[in-house]
C-alpha cells in the first residue's frame, strides 16, 4: 500500500468531473500490465492500455476507487468522492420523483379535461339530468373543482373514491355512446301500472 500511495502521488490522477469517477496511473509502456496484475493481486482489479506511447492503468468504478483511497489513507479525497456520490444519488432520486409527479399531473389534467367535456355534452342534451343521484353529484363536483384528484373529490363529496371513479367512468362512457342510457328508467308507479294492465284481475278470471 505504501508503494501504491507513492505511485499515486507521483504518477496518478483522480477526476470526479461531470458525475464520473476516473482514477488512472500513467507509467512506462512496459510497466502497465505488471501494475494491473499487481493491483489485481491485492483485490483492486484494473484495466490497462497504451496511450501515446505511455502505459495507462485505469479504474472507473467508484467502489474500487473508494476502496483504494481508503487503503492508502487518502481521507480527504475519499470524503470528496463519497460526498459527490451522495449528491448524485440524491439528484437521481429527486429527478425520478419529479418525473413521476409530472407524469401523474399530466394524466390527471388529461382525465379532468375528458370529464369536463363529457359532462358538458351530457348536460347539453339533457341526459345528465336523468342519471342517478351519485352520478349527478360527482359531475357537479368535477365541474366545480376540475383540478381535484379523485381522492380529493371523493373527500369533498363524502363518497368513496371507487364510487367517484365509477361515476366519472359512466359519464365518459355515456358521452362516447349517446344511445346508452338515453331514456329515463320507468318509475315504480309506472311499472305497477304496466303490471296491472298486463295481469288479468281475479274477477275477470272468475
N, C-alpha and C. Protein backbone atom coordinates (compact mmCIF):
# COMPACT_ATOMS: atom_id res chain seq x y z
N UNK A 1 0.81 -1.20 0.00
CA UNK A 1 0.00 0.00 0.00
C UNK A 1 0.86 1.27 0.00
N UNK A 2 2.02 1.23 0.68
CA UNK A 2 2.92 2.38 0.68
C UNK A 2 3.45 2.62 -0.73
N UNK A 3 3.77 1.53 -1.43
CA UNK A 3 4.22 1.66 -2.82
C UNK A 3 3.14 2.28 -3.69
N UNK A 4 1.90 1.80 -3.54
CA UNK A 4 0.81 2.34 -4.35
C UNK A 4 0.51 3.78 -3.99
N UNK A 5 0.64 4.12 -2.73
CA UNK A 5 0.42 5.51 -2.32
C UNK A 5 1.44 6.43 -2.99
N UNK A 6 2.72 6.01 -2.94
CA UNK A 6 3.74 6.82 -3.59
C UNK A 6 3.55 6.90 -5.10
N UNK A 7 3.15 5.77 -5.70
CA UNK A 7 2.93 5.75 -7.14
C UNK A 7 1.78 6.66 -7.52
N UNK A 8 0.74 6.66 -6.70
CA UNK A 8 -0.40 7.53 -6.99
C UNK A 8 0.00 9.01 -6.89
N UNK A 9 0.78 9.35 -5.88
CA UNK A 9 1.21 10.74 -5.73
C UNK A 9 2.13 11.17 -6.87
N UNK A 10 2.92 10.23 -7.39
CA UNK A 10 3.88 10.57 -8.44
C UNK A 10 3.29 10.45 -9.84
N UNK A 11 2.48 9.43 -10.05
CA UNK A 11 2.03 9.12 -11.42
C UNK A 11 0.50 9.05 -11.56
N UNK A 12 -0.24 9.32 -10.51
CA UNK A 12 -1.69 9.13 -10.55
C UNK A 12 -2.47 10.42 -10.66
N UNK A 13 -3.73 10.28 -11.05
CA UNK A 13 -4.66 11.43 -11.10
C UNK A 13 -6.06 10.91 -10.86
N UNK A 14 -6.86 11.74 -10.20
CA UNK A 14 -8.24 11.38 -9.88
C UNK A 14 -9.16 12.47 -10.41
N UNK A 15 -10.16 12.07 -11.18
CA UNK A 15 -11.11 13.02 -11.75
C UNK A 15 -12.51 12.65 -11.27
N UNK A 16 -13.22 13.65 -10.77
CA UNK A 16 -14.60 13.46 -10.34
C UNK A 16 -15.54 14.38 -11.10
N UNK A 17 -15.11 14.85 -12.25
CA UNK A 17 -15.90 15.82 -13.02
C UNK A 17 -17.08 15.15 -13.71
N UNK A 18 -18.13 15.93 -13.93
CA UNK A 18 -19.32 15.50 -14.68
C UNK A 18 -19.98 14.27 -14.08
N UNK A 19 -19.84 14.10 -12.76
CA UNK A 19 -20.50 12.98 -12.10
C UNK A 19 -19.87 11.64 -12.37
N UNK A 20 -18.68 11.62 -12.97
CA UNK A 20 -18.00 10.35 -13.27
C UNK A 20 -16.73 10.24 -12.44
N UNK A 21 -16.40 9.01 -12.06
CA UNK A 21 -15.18 8.74 -11.28
C UNK A 21 -14.15 8.10 -12.19
N UNK A 22 -12.95 8.68 -12.21
CA UNK A 22 -11.90 8.16 -13.08
C UNK A 22 -10.55 8.35 -12.38
N UNK A 23 -9.90 7.25 -12.09
CA UNK A 23 -8.55 7.30 -11.49
C UNK A 23 -7.62 6.53 -12.40
N UNK A 24 -6.45 7.10 -12.69
CA UNK A 24 -5.51 6.42 -13.56
C UNK A 24 -4.07 6.67 -13.13
N UNK A 25 -3.23 5.70 -13.46
CA UNK A 25 -1.79 5.82 -13.31
C UNK A 25 -1.20 5.89 -14.72
N UNK A 26 -0.30 6.83 -14.95
CA UNK A 26 0.41 6.92 -16.22
C UNK A 26 1.86 6.48 -15.96
N UNK A 27 2.21 5.34 -16.55
CA UNK A 27 3.52 4.73 -16.29
C UNK A 27 4.19 4.41 -17.62
N UNK A 28 5.36 3.81 -17.54
CA UNK A 28 6.04 3.39 -18.76
C UNK A 28 5.26 2.30 -19.45
N UNK A 29 5.39 2.17 -20.77
CA UNK A 29 4.61 1.17 -21.51
C UNK A 29 4.86 -0.25 -21.04
N UNK A 30 6.06 -0.53 -20.56
CA UNK A 30 6.37 -1.89 -20.10
C UNK A 30 5.90 -2.15 -18.68
N UNK A 31 5.45 -1.11 -17.98
CA UNK A 31 5.02 -1.26 -16.58
C UNK A 31 3.52 -1.45 -16.42
N UNK A 32 2.75 -1.10 -17.42
CA UNK A 32 1.29 -1.05 -17.27
C UNK A 32 0.70 -2.41 -16.94
N UNK A 33 1.06 -3.43 -17.71
CA UNK A 33 0.48 -4.75 -17.48
C UNK A 33 0.88 -5.29 -16.12
N UNK A 34 2.15 -5.11 -15.75
CA UNK A 34 2.62 -5.61 -14.46
C UNK A 34 1.90 -4.91 -13.31
N UNK A 35 1.67 -3.60 -13.44
CA UNK A 35 0.96 -2.87 -12.39
C UNK A 35 -0.49 -3.33 -12.28
N UNK A 36 -1.14 -3.54 -13.43
CA UNK A 36 -2.53 -4.00 -13.40
C UNK A 36 -2.62 -5.37 -12.72
N UNK A 37 -1.66 -6.25 -13.01
CA UNK A 37 -1.67 -7.56 -12.38
C UNK A 37 -1.41 -7.45 -10.88
N UNK A 38 -0.53 -6.54 -10.49
CA UNK A 38 -0.24 -6.37 -9.06
C UNK A 38 -1.46 -5.83 -8.32
N UNK A 39 -2.17 -4.92 -8.94
CA UNK A 39 -3.39 -4.38 -8.33
C UNK A 39 -4.45 -5.48 -8.20
N UNK A 40 -4.54 -6.34 -9.21
CA UNK A 40 -5.50 -7.44 -9.12
C UNK A 40 -5.17 -8.38 -7.98
N UNK A 41 -3.88 -8.59 -7.70
CA UNK A 41 -3.48 -9.48 -6.61
C UNK A 41 -3.91 -8.95 -5.24
N UNK A 42 -4.05 -7.64 -5.10
CA UNK A 42 -4.45 -7.07 -3.80
C UNK A 42 -5.95 -6.70 -3.78
N UNK A 43 -6.72 -7.28 -4.71
CA UNK A 43 -8.16 -7.07 -4.71
C UNK A 43 -8.62 -5.77 -5.31
N UNK A 44 -7.77 -5.18 -6.20
CA UNK A 44 -8.13 -3.93 -6.86
C UNK A 44 -7.94 -4.07 -8.36
N UNK A 45 -8.73 -4.92 -9.00
CA UNK A 45 -8.53 -5.17 -10.45
C UNK A 45 -8.69 -3.89 -11.26
N UNK A 46 -7.79 -3.72 -12.23
CA UNK A 46 -7.79 -2.51 -13.05
C UNK A 46 -7.61 -2.89 -14.51
N UNK A 47 -7.97 -1.99 -15.38
CA UNK A 47 -7.74 -2.18 -16.81
C UNK A 47 -6.50 -1.40 -17.22
N UNK A 48 -5.87 -1.80 -18.31
CA UNK A 48 -4.68 -1.09 -18.76
C UNK A 48 -4.66 -1.03 -20.28
N UNK A 49 -3.92 -0.04 -20.80
CA UNK A 49 -3.79 0.13 -22.24
C UNK A 49 -2.58 1.04 -22.50
N UNK A 50 -2.24 1.15 -23.75
CA UNK A 50 -1.18 2.07 -24.16
C UNK A 50 -1.83 3.31 -24.79
N UNK A 51 -1.30 4.46 -24.41
CA UNK A 51 -1.84 5.71 -24.94
C UNK A 51 -0.69 6.68 -25.21
N UNK A 52 -0.50 7.01 -26.47
CA UNK A 52 0.56 7.95 -26.87
C UNK A 52 1.93 7.51 -26.35
N UNK A 53 2.17 6.23 -26.46
CA UNK A 53 3.47 5.71 -26.08
C UNK A 53 3.66 5.52 -24.59
N UNK A 54 2.62 5.73 -23.81
CA UNK A 54 2.71 5.54 -22.36
C UNK A 54 1.73 4.44 -21.94
N UNK A 55 2.01 3.82 -20.82
CA UNK A 55 1.09 2.85 -20.26
C UNK A 55 0.12 3.53 -19.30
N UNK A 56 -1.17 3.17 -19.43
CA UNK A 56 -2.21 3.80 -18.59
C UNK A 56 -2.99 2.69 -17.89
N UNK A 57 -3.02 2.73 -16.58
CA UNK A 57 -3.78 1.78 -15.76
C UNK A 57 -4.95 2.55 -15.15
N UNK A 58 -6.17 2.03 -15.33
CA UNK A 58 -7.36 2.84 -15.06
C UNK A 58 -8.36 2.12 -14.18
N UNK A 59 -9.02 2.90 -13.30
CA UNK A 59 -10.22 2.48 -12.58
C UNK A 59 -11.34 3.46 -12.92
N UNK A 60 -12.53 2.93 -13.20
CA UNK A 60 -13.69 3.79 -13.41
C UNK A 60 -14.82 3.44 -12.46
N UNK A 61 -14.59 2.42 -11.64
CA UNK A 61 -15.58 2.03 -10.64
C UNK A 61 -15.40 2.87 -9.38
N UNK A 62 -16.44 3.58 -9.00
CA UNK A 62 -16.33 4.42 -7.79
C UNK A 62 -16.09 3.58 -6.55
N UNK A 63 -16.62 2.36 -6.53
CA UNK A 63 -16.40 1.48 -5.37
C UNK A 63 -14.93 1.09 -5.25
N UNK A 64 -14.34 0.73 -6.40
CA UNK A 64 -12.92 0.34 -6.38
C UNK A 64 -12.04 1.54 -6.03
N UNK A 65 -12.35 2.68 -6.59
CA UNK A 65 -11.57 3.89 -6.30
C UNK A 65 -11.68 4.23 -4.81
N UNK A 66 -12.90 4.14 -4.27
CA UNK A 66 -13.09 4.43 -2.85
C UNK A 66 -12.29 3.48 -1.97
N UNK A 67 -12.29 2.20 -2.34
CA UNK A 67 -11.52 1.22 -1.57
C UNK A 67 -10.02 1.53 -1.63
N UNK A 68 -9.54 1.90 -2.80
CA UNK A 68 -8.13 2.24 -2.95
C UNK A 68 -7.77 3.46 -2.11
N UNK A 69 -8.59 4.50 -2.17
CA UNK A 69 -8.31 5.71 -1.40
C UNK A 69 -8.32 5.42 0.10
N UNK A 70 -9.23 4.55 0.52
CA UNK A 70 -9.29 4.20 1.94
C UNK A 70 -8.02 3.45 2.35
N UNK A 71 -7.55 2.55 1.52
CA UNK A 71 -6.38 1.74 1.87
C UNK A 71 -5.11 2.56 1.92
N UNK A 72 -4.98 3.56 1.08
CA UNK A 72 -3.73 4.33 1.08
C UNK A 72 -3.82 5.54 2.02
N UNK A 73 -4.97 5.69 2.71
CA UNK A 73 -5.10 6.75 3.69
C UNK A 73 -5.41 8.12 3.12
N UNK A 74 -5.98 8.16 1.92
CA UNK A 74 -6.33 9.45 1.30
C UNK A 74 -7.73 9.86 1.76
N UNK A 75 -7.83 10.22 3.04
CA UNK A 75 -9.14 10.51 3.62
C UNK A 75 -9.85 11.69 2.99
N UNK A 76 -9.12 12.75 2.67
CA UNK A 76 -9.76 13.93 2.06
C UNK A 76 -10.38 13.62 0.72
N UNK A 77 -9.63 12.92 -0.12
CA UNK A 77 -10.15 12.55 -1.44
C UNK A 77 -11.33 11.59 -1.31
N UNK A 78 -11.24 10.67 -0.33
CA UNK A 78 -12.33 9.72 -0.11
C UNK A 78 -13.61 10.44 0.31
N UNK A 79 -13.50 11.42 1.21
CA UNK A 79 -14.68 12.18 1.63
C UNK A 79 -15.29 12.94 0.46
N UNK A 80 -14.44 13.52 -0.38
CA UNK A 80 -14.94 14.24 -1.55
C UNK A 80 -15.68 13.29 -2.49
N UNK A 81 -15.11 12.10 -2.69
CA UNK A 81 -15.75 11.10 -3.55
C UNK A 81 -17.11 10.70 -2.99
N UNK A 82 -17.17 10.39 -1.69
CA UNK A 82 -18.43 9.95 -1.09
C UNK A 82 -19.47 11.07 -1.10
N UNK A 83 -19.02 12.31 -0.88
CA UNK A 83 -19.97 13.44 -0.91
C UNK A 83 -20.57 13.58 -2.30
N UNK A 84 -19.76 13.44 -3.33
CA UNK A 84 -20.27 13.53 -4.69
C UNK A 84 -21.22 12.38 -5.01
N UNK A 85 -20.91 11.19 -4.50
CA UNK A 85 -21.79 10.05 -4.73
C UNK A 85 -23.16 10.27 -4.09
N UNK A 86 -23.15 10.78 -2.85
CA UNK A 86 -24.41 11.06 -2.17
C UNK A 86 -25.20 12.12 -2.92
N UNK A 87 -24.51 13.18 -3.35
CA UNK A 87 -25.18 14.25 -4.09
C UNK A 87 -25.76 13.73 -5.39
N UNK A 88 -25.02 12.89 -6.10
CA UNK A 88 -25.51 12.33 -7.36
C UNK A 88 -26.72 11.43 -7.12
N UNK A 89 -26.67 10.63 -6.06
CA UNK A 89 -27.80 9.75 -5.75
C UNK A 89 -29.04 10.56 -5.40
N UNK A 90 -28.86 11.65 -4.62
CA UNK A 90 -29.99 12.49 -4.26
C UNK A 90 -30.60 13.15 -5.49
N UNK A 91 -29.75 13.63 -6.39
CA UNK A 91 -30.26 14.25 -7.61
C UNK A 91 -31.04 13.23 -8.45
N UNK A 92 -30.50 12.01 -8.51
CA UNK A 92 -31.21 10.98 -9.26
C UNK A 92 -32.57 10.66 -8.66
N UNK A 93 -32.62 10.53 -7.32
CA UNK A 93 -33.90 10.26 -6.66
C UNK A 93 -34.88 11.41 -6.87
N UNK A 94 -34.38 12.64 -6.75
CA UNK A 94 -35.23 13.81 -6.93
C UNK A 94 -35.78 13.87 -8.35
N UNK A 95 -34.94 13.60 -9.33
CA UNK A 95 -35.39 13.61 -10.72
C UNK A 95 -36.45 12.55 -10.97
N UNK A 96 -36.27 11.37 -10.37
CA UNK A 96 -37.27 10.32 -10.55
C UNK A 96 -38.61 10.73 -9.93
N UNK A 97 -38.55 11.34 -8.73
CA UNK A 97 -39.79 11.78 -8.08
C UNK A 97 -40.48 12.86 -8.91
N UNK A 98 -39.69 13.82 -9.40
CA UNK A 98 -40.27 14.91 -10.20
C UNK A 98 -40.86 14.38 -11.50
N UNK A 99 -40.18 13.44 -12.14
CA UNK A 99 -40.71 12.86 -13.37
C UNK A 99 -42.01 12.11 -13.12
N UNK A 100 -42.05 11.36 -12.00
CA UNK A 100 -43.28 10.63 -11.67
C UNK A 100 -44.43 11.59 -11.37
N UNK A 101 -44.14 12.65 -10.60
CA UNK A 101 -45.18 13.63 -10.29
C UNK A 101 -45.66 14.33 -11.55
N UNK A 102 -44.73 14.65 -12.43
CA UNK A 102 -45.12 15.31 -13.68
C UNK A 102 -46.01 14.42 -14.53
N UNK A 103 -45.65 13.14 -14.60
CA UNK A 103 -46.47 12.20 -15.38
C UNK A 103 -47.85 12.05 -14.76
N UNK A 104 -47.91 11.95 -13.42
CA UNK A 104 -49.20 11.84 -12.75
C UNK A 104 -50.05 13.09 -12.98
N UNK A 105 -49.41 14.26 -12.94
CA UNK A 105 -50.14 15.50 -13.15
C UNK A 105 -50.69 15.58 -14.56
N UNK A 106 -49.89 15.17 -15.54
CA UNK A 106 -50.35 15.19 -16.92
C UNK A 106 -51.54 14.26 -17.11
N UNK A 107 -51.47 13.07 -16.49
CA UNK A 107 -52.59 12.14 -16.61
C UNK A 107 -53.84 12.71 -15.94
N UNK A 108 -53.66 13.35 -14.76
CA UNK A 108 -54.80 13.92 -14.06
C UNK A 108 -55.43 15.05 -14.85
N UNK A 109 -54.60 15.90 -15.45
CA UNK A 109 -55.13 17.01 -16.26
C UNK A 109 -55.88 16.48 -17.47
N UNK A 110 -55.29 15.46 -18.13
CA UNK A 110 -55.97 14.88 -19.29
C UNK A 110 -57.30 14.26 -18.92
N UNK A 111 -57.34 13.53 -17.79
CA UNK A 111 -58.60 12.91 -17.35
C UNK A 111 -59.64 13.95 -16.99
N UNK A 112 -59.22 15.02 -16.29
CA UNK A 112 -60.16 16.07 -15.91
C UNK A 112 -60.73 16.74 -17.14
N UNK A 113 -59.89 16.95 -18.16
CA UNK A 113 -60.40 17.55 -19.39
C UNK A 113 -61.45 16.68 -20.06
N UNK A 114 -61.21 15.37 -20.08
CA UNK A 114 -62.21 14.46 -20.66
C UNK A 114 -63.50 14.47 -19.85
N UNK A 115 -63.35 14.51 -18.53
CA UNK A 115 -64.54 14.52 -17.67
C UNK A 115 -65.39 15.77 -17.93
N UNK A 116 -64.75 16.94 -17.98
CA UNK A 116 -65.47 18.18 -18.17
C UNK A 116 -66.18 18.19 -19.52
N UNK A 117 -65.49 17.70 -20.55
CA UNK A 117 -66.10 17.67 -21.88
C UNK A 117 -67.30 16.73 -21.90
N UNK A 118 -67.15 15.55 -21.27
CA UNK A 118 -68.25 14.59 -21.26
C UNK A 118 -69.43 15.12 -20.46
N UNK A 119 -69.16 15.75 -19.32
CA UNK A 119 -70.23 16.31 -18.50
C UNK A 119 -70.97 17.40 -19.27
N UNK A 120 -70.23 18.24 -19.96
CA UNK A 120 -70.86 19.30 -20.75
C UNK A 120 -71.75 18.74 -21.84
N UNK A 121 -71.31 17.66 -22.46
CA UNK A 121 -72.12 17.05 -23.52
C UNK A 121 -73.41 16.46 -22.96
N UNK A 122 -73.30 15.74 -21.83
CA UNK A 122 -74.49 15.14 -21.24
C UNK A 122 -75.45 16.21 -20.71
N UNK A 123 -74.89 17.27 -20.14
CA UNK A 123 -75.74 18.34 -19.64
C UNK A 123 -76.44 19.06 -20.79
N UNK A 124 -75.75 19.17 -21.92
CA UNK A 124 -76.32 19.88 -23.05
C UNK A 124 -77.51 19.18 -23.68
N UNK A 125 -77.49 17.85 -23.73
CA UNK A 125 -78.62 17.15 -24.35
C UNK A 125 -79.60 16.57 -23.34
N UNK A 126 -79.43 16.92 -22.05
CA UNK A 126 -80.40 16.52 -21.04
C UNK A 126 -80.19 15.16 -20.44
N UNK A 127 -79.20 14.42 -20.89
CA UNK A 127 -79.01 13.07 -20.36
C UNK A 127 -78.44 13.08 -18.95
N UNK A 128 -77.74 14.13 -18.58
CA UNK A 128 -77.18 14.18 -17.23
C UNK A 128 -78.28 14.27 -16.18
N UNK A 129 -79.34 14.96 -16.51
CA UNK A 129 -80.43 15.17 -15.55
C UNK A 129 -81.14 13.87 -15.18
N UNK A 130 -81.08 12.86 -16.02
CA UNK A 130 -81.80 11.61 -15.75
C UNK A 130 -80.87 10.53 -15.17
N UNK A 131 -79.63 10.91 -14.88
CA UNK A 131 -78.69 9.95 -14.31
C UNK A 131 -78.94 9.81 -12.80
N UNK A 132 -78.44 8.72 -12.20
CA UNK A 132 -78.58 8.54 -10.75
C UNK A 132 -77.98 9.71 -9.98
N UNK A 133 -78.44 9.85 -8.73
CA UNK A 133 -78.04 10.99 -7.91
C UNK A 133 -76.53 11.08 -7.76
N UNK A 134 -75.87 9.93 -7.52
CA UNK A 134 -74.42 9.95 -7.30
C UNK A 134 -73.69 10.45 -8.54
N UNK A 135 -74.14 10.03 -9.71
CA UNK A 135 -73.51 10.47 -10.95
C UNK A 135 -73.66 11.98 -11.11
N UNK A 136 -74.86 12.49 -10.83
CA UNK A 136 -75.07 13.94 -10.95
C UNK A 136 -74.25 14.70 -9.90
N UNK A 137 -74.16 14.14 -8.70
CA UNK A 137 -73.38 14.79 -7.64
C UNK A 137 -71.90 14.85 -8.02
N UNK A 138 -71.37 13.75 -8.51
CA UNK A 138 -69.96 13.72 -8.89
C UNK A 138 -69.71 14.64 -10.07
N UNK A 139 -70.62 14.66 -11.03
CA UNK A 139 -70.45 15.54 -12.19
C UNK A 139 -70.41 17.00 -11.77
N UNK A 140 -71.29 17.38 -10.87
CA UNK A 140 -71.32 18.77 -10.40
C UNK A 140 -70.03 19.09 -9.62
N UNK A 141 -69.57 18.12 -8.80
CA UNK A 141 -68.34 18.34 -8.06
C UNK A 141 -67.14 18.47 -8.98
N UNK A 142 -67.09 17.68 -10.05
CA UNK A 142 -65.99 17.76 -11.00
C UNK A 142 -66.00 19.11 -11.73
N UNK A 143 -67.18 19.59 -12.07
CA UNK A 143 -67.25 20.89 -12.75
C UNK A 143 -66.81 22.03 -11.84
N UNK A 144 -67.10 21.90 -10.55
CA UNK A 144 -66.73 22.97 -9.62
C UNK A 144 -65.24 22.93 -9.27
N UNK A 145 -64.65 21.72 -9.25
CA UNK A 145 -63.22 21.59 -8.91
C UNK A 145 -62.53 20.70 -9.94
N UNK A 146 -62.30 21.21 -11.14
CA UNK A 146 -61.68 20.37 -12.18
C UNK A 146 -60.25 19.97 -11.86
N UNK A 147 -59.58 20.71 -10.96
CA UNK A 147 -58.19 20.41 -10.66
C UNK A 147 -58.04 19.34 -9.59
N UNK A 148 -59.13 18.94 -8.93
CA UNK A 148 -59.06 17.99 -7.82
C UNK A 148 -58.75 16.58 -8.32
N UNK A 149 -57.99 15.83 -7.52
CA UNK A 149 -57.79 14.42 -7.81
C UNK A 149 -59.04 13.64 -7.42
N UNK A 150 -59.07 12.37 -7.80
CA UNK A 150 -60.23 11.55 -7.45
C UNK A 150 -60.37 11.44 -5.93
N UNK A 151 -59.23 11.29 -5.24
CA UNK A 151 -59.28 11.18 -3.78
C UNK A 151 -59.79 12.48 -3.16
N UNK A 152 -59.32 13.62 -3.66
CA UNK A 152 -59.77 14.91 -3.14
C UNK A 152 -61.24 15.13 -3.43
N UNK A 153 -61.68 14.75 -4.62
CA UNK A 153 -63.09 14.90 -4.98
C UNK A 153 -63.96 14.01 -4.11
N UNK A 154 -63.50 12.77 -3.86
CA UNK A 154 -64.27 11.85 -3.02
C UNK A 154 -64.39 12.40 -1.60
N UNK A 155 -63.30 12.94 -1.06
CA UNK A 155 -63.35 13.50 0.29
C UNK A 155 -64.28 14.71 0.34
N UNK A 156 -64.25 15.52 -0.67
CA UNK A 156 -65.10 16.72 -0.70
C UNK A 156 -66.59 16.35 -0.76
N UNK A 157 -66.90 15.28 -1.50
CA UNK A 157 -68.30 14.87 -1.66
C UNK A 157 -68.76 13.88 -0.61
N UNK A 158 -67.85 13.39 0.22
CA UNK A 158 -68.21 12.41 1.23
C UNK A 158 -68.51 11.05 0.65
N UNK A 159 -67.82 10.69 -0.43
CA UNK A 159 -68.02 9.40 -1.09
C UNK A 159 -66.73 8.60 -1.08
N UNK A 160 -66.84 7.32 -1.41
CA UNK A 160 -65.66 6.51 -1.59
C UNK A 160 -65.01 6.85 -2.93
N UNK A 161 -63.70 6.72 -2.98
CA UNK A 161 -63.01 7.02 -4.23
C UNK A 161 -63.49 6.14 -5.37
N UNK A 162 -63.78 4.88 -5.06
CA UNK A 162 -64.25 3.96 -6.10
C UNK A 162 -65.59 4.42 -6.67
N UNK A 163 -66.46 4.98 -5.81
CA UNK A 163 -67.75 5.46 -6.29
C UNK A 163 -67.57 6.66 -7.23
N UNK A 164 -66.65 7.54 -6.88
CA UNK A 164 -66.36 8.69 -7.75
C UNK A 164 -65.81 8.22 -9.09
N UNK A 165 -64.89 7.26 -9.04
CA UNK A 165 -64.29 6.76 -10.27
C UNK A 165 -65.34 6.10 -11.16
N UNK A 166 -66.24 5.29 -10.57
CA UNK A 166 -67.28 4.64 -11.37
C UNK A 166 -68.22 5.66 -11.99
N UNK A 167 -68.56 6.70 -11.22
CA UNK A 167 -69.46 7.72 -11.75
C UNK A 167 -68.85 8.45 -12.94
N UNK A 168 -67.57 8.80 -12.83
CA UNK A 168 -66.91 9.51 -13.93
C UNK A 168 -66.71 8.59 -15.14
N UNK A 169 -66.43 7.32 -14.88
CA UNK A 169 -66.33 6.37 -15.99
C UNK A 169 -67.67 6.23 -16.70
N UNK A 170 -68.75 6.26 -15.95
CA UNK A 170 -70.09 6.19 -16.55
C UNK A 170 -70.35 7.43 -17.41
N UNK A 171 -69.95 8.58 -16.91
CA UNK A 171 -70.14 9.82 -17.66
C UNK A 171 -69.38 9.76 -18.98
N UNK A 172 -68.13 9.32 -18.93
CA UNK A 172 -67.34 9.22 -20.16
C UNK A 172 -67.94 8.20 -21.12
N UNK A 173 -68.41 7.08 -20.59
CA UNK A 173 -68.98 6.04 -21.44
C UNK A 173 -70.25 6.54 -22.13
N UNK A 174 -71.09 7.26 -21.39
CA UNK A 174 -72.32 7.78 -21.97
C UNK A 174 -72.02 8.83 -23.05
N UNK A 175 -70.97 9.61 -22.84
CA UNK A 175 -70.61 10.61 -23.84
C UNK A 175 -70.10 9.95 -25.12
N UNK A 176 -69.41 8.83 -24.97
CA UNK A 176 -68.90 8.12 -26.15
C UNK A 176 -70.00 7.33 -26.86
N UNK A 177 -71.01 6.90 -26.11
CA UNK A 177 -72.09 6.09 -26.67
C UNK A 177 -73.42 6.79 -26.38
N UNK A 178 -73.83 7.72 -27.22
CA UNK A 178 -75.04 8.54 -26.96
C UNK A 178 -76.30 7.72 -26.76
N UNK A 179 -76.39 6.53 -27.38
CA UNK A 179 -77.63 5.74 -27.28
C UNK A 179 -77.75 5.00 -25.96
N UNK A 180 -76.66 4.91 -25.20
CA UNK A 180 -76.68 4.15 -23.95
C UNK A 180 -77.27 5.00 -22.84
N UNK A 181 -78.27 4.48 -22.18
CA UNK A 181 -78.86 5.17 -21.03
C UNK A 181 -79.54 6.47 -21.40
N UNK A 182 -80.00 6.61 -22.66
CA UNK A 182 -80.59 7.88 -23.07
C UNK A 182 -81.97 8.09 -22.46
N UNK A 183 -82.72 7.02 -22.28
CA UNK A 183 -84.08 7.17 -21.76
C UNK A 183 -84.15 7.07 -20.26
N UNK A 184 -85.21 7.63 -19.70
CA UNK A 184 -85.43 7.55 -18.27
C UNK A 184 -85.97 6.18 -17.91
N UNK A 185 -85.47 5.61 -16.86
CA UNK A 185 -85.99 4.33 -16.41
C UNK A 185 -87.40 4.50 -15.86
N UNK A 186 -88.26 3.55 -16.12
CA UNK A 186 -89.63 3.69 -15.61
C UNK A 186 -89.65 3.71 -14.09
N UNK A 187 -90.47 4.56 -13.52
CA UNK A 187 -90.60 4.65 -12.07
C UNK A 187 -91.39 3.47 -11.55
N UNK A 188 -91.40 3.35 -10.23
CA UNK A 188 -92.12 2.22 -9.63
C UNK A 188 -93.62 2.33 -9.90
N UNK A 189 -94.12 3.58 -9.97
CA UNK A 189 -95.55 3.77 -10.23
C UNK A 189 -95.90 3.29 -11.63
N UNK A 190 -95.06 3.69 -12.62
CA UNK A 190 -95.35 3.28 -13.99
C UNK A 190 -95.22 1.78 -14.15
N UNK A 191 -94.27 1.14 -13.44
CA UNK A 191 -94.13 -0.31 -13.52
C UNK A 191 -95.36 -0.99 -12.95
N UNK A 192 -95.89 -0.44 -11.85
CA UNK A 192 -97.11 -1.05 -11.28
C UNK A 192 -98.27 -0.90 -12.24
N UNK A 193 -98.32 0.25 -12.94
CA UNK A 193 -99.41 0.46 -13.89
C UNK A 193 -99.31 -0.53 -15.03
N UNK A 194 -98.04 -0.73 -15.57
CA UNK A 194 -97.87 -1.68 -16.65
C UNK A 194 -98.21 -3.09 -16.19
N UNK A 195 -97.82 -3.42 -14.95
CA UNK A 195 -98.11 -4.76 -14.44
C UNK A 195 -99.60 -4.97 -14.31
N UNK A 196 -100.34 -3.92 -13.87
CA UNK A 196 -101.79 -4.03 -13.72
C UNK A 196 -102.46 -4.23 -15.06
N UNK A 197 -101.94 -3.56 -16.09
CA UNK A 197 -102.54 -3.69 -17.40
C UNK A 197 -102.31 -5.06 -17.99
N UNK A 198 -101.16 -5.66 -17.69
CA UNK A 198 -100.84 -6.94 -18.30
C UNK A 198 -101.47 -8.11 -17.55
N UNK A 199 -101.78 -7.97 -16.25
CA UNK A 199 -102.27 -9.09 -15.46
C UNK A 199 -103.80 -9.02 -15.34
N UNK A 200 -104.52 -10.03 -15.75
CA UNK A 200 -105.99 -10.01 -15.60
C UNK A 200 -106.39 -10.01 -14.15
N UNK A 201 -107.48 -9.35 -13.85
CA UNK A 201 -107.97 -9.32 -12.47
C UNK A 201 -108.61 -10.66 -12.11
N UNK A 202 -108.70 -10.88 -10.81
CA UNK A 202 -109.34 -12.14 -10.35
C UNK A 202 -110.81 -12.19 -10.77
N UNK A 203 -111.49 -11.02 -10.76
CA UNK A 203 -112.92 -11.01 -11.15
C UNK A 203 -113.08 -11.40 -12.60
N UNK A 204 -112.11 -10.94 -13.47
CA UNK A 204 -112.21 -11.30 -14.87
C UNK A 204 -112.01 -12.79 -15.08
N UNK A 205 -111.09 -13.35 -14.27
CA UNK A 205 -110.86 -14.78 -14.40
C UNK A 205 -112.07 -15.60 -13.92
N UNK A 206 -112.75 -15.05 -12.90
CA UNK A 206 -113.92 -15.76 -12.41
C UNK A 206 -115.04 -15.73 -13.45
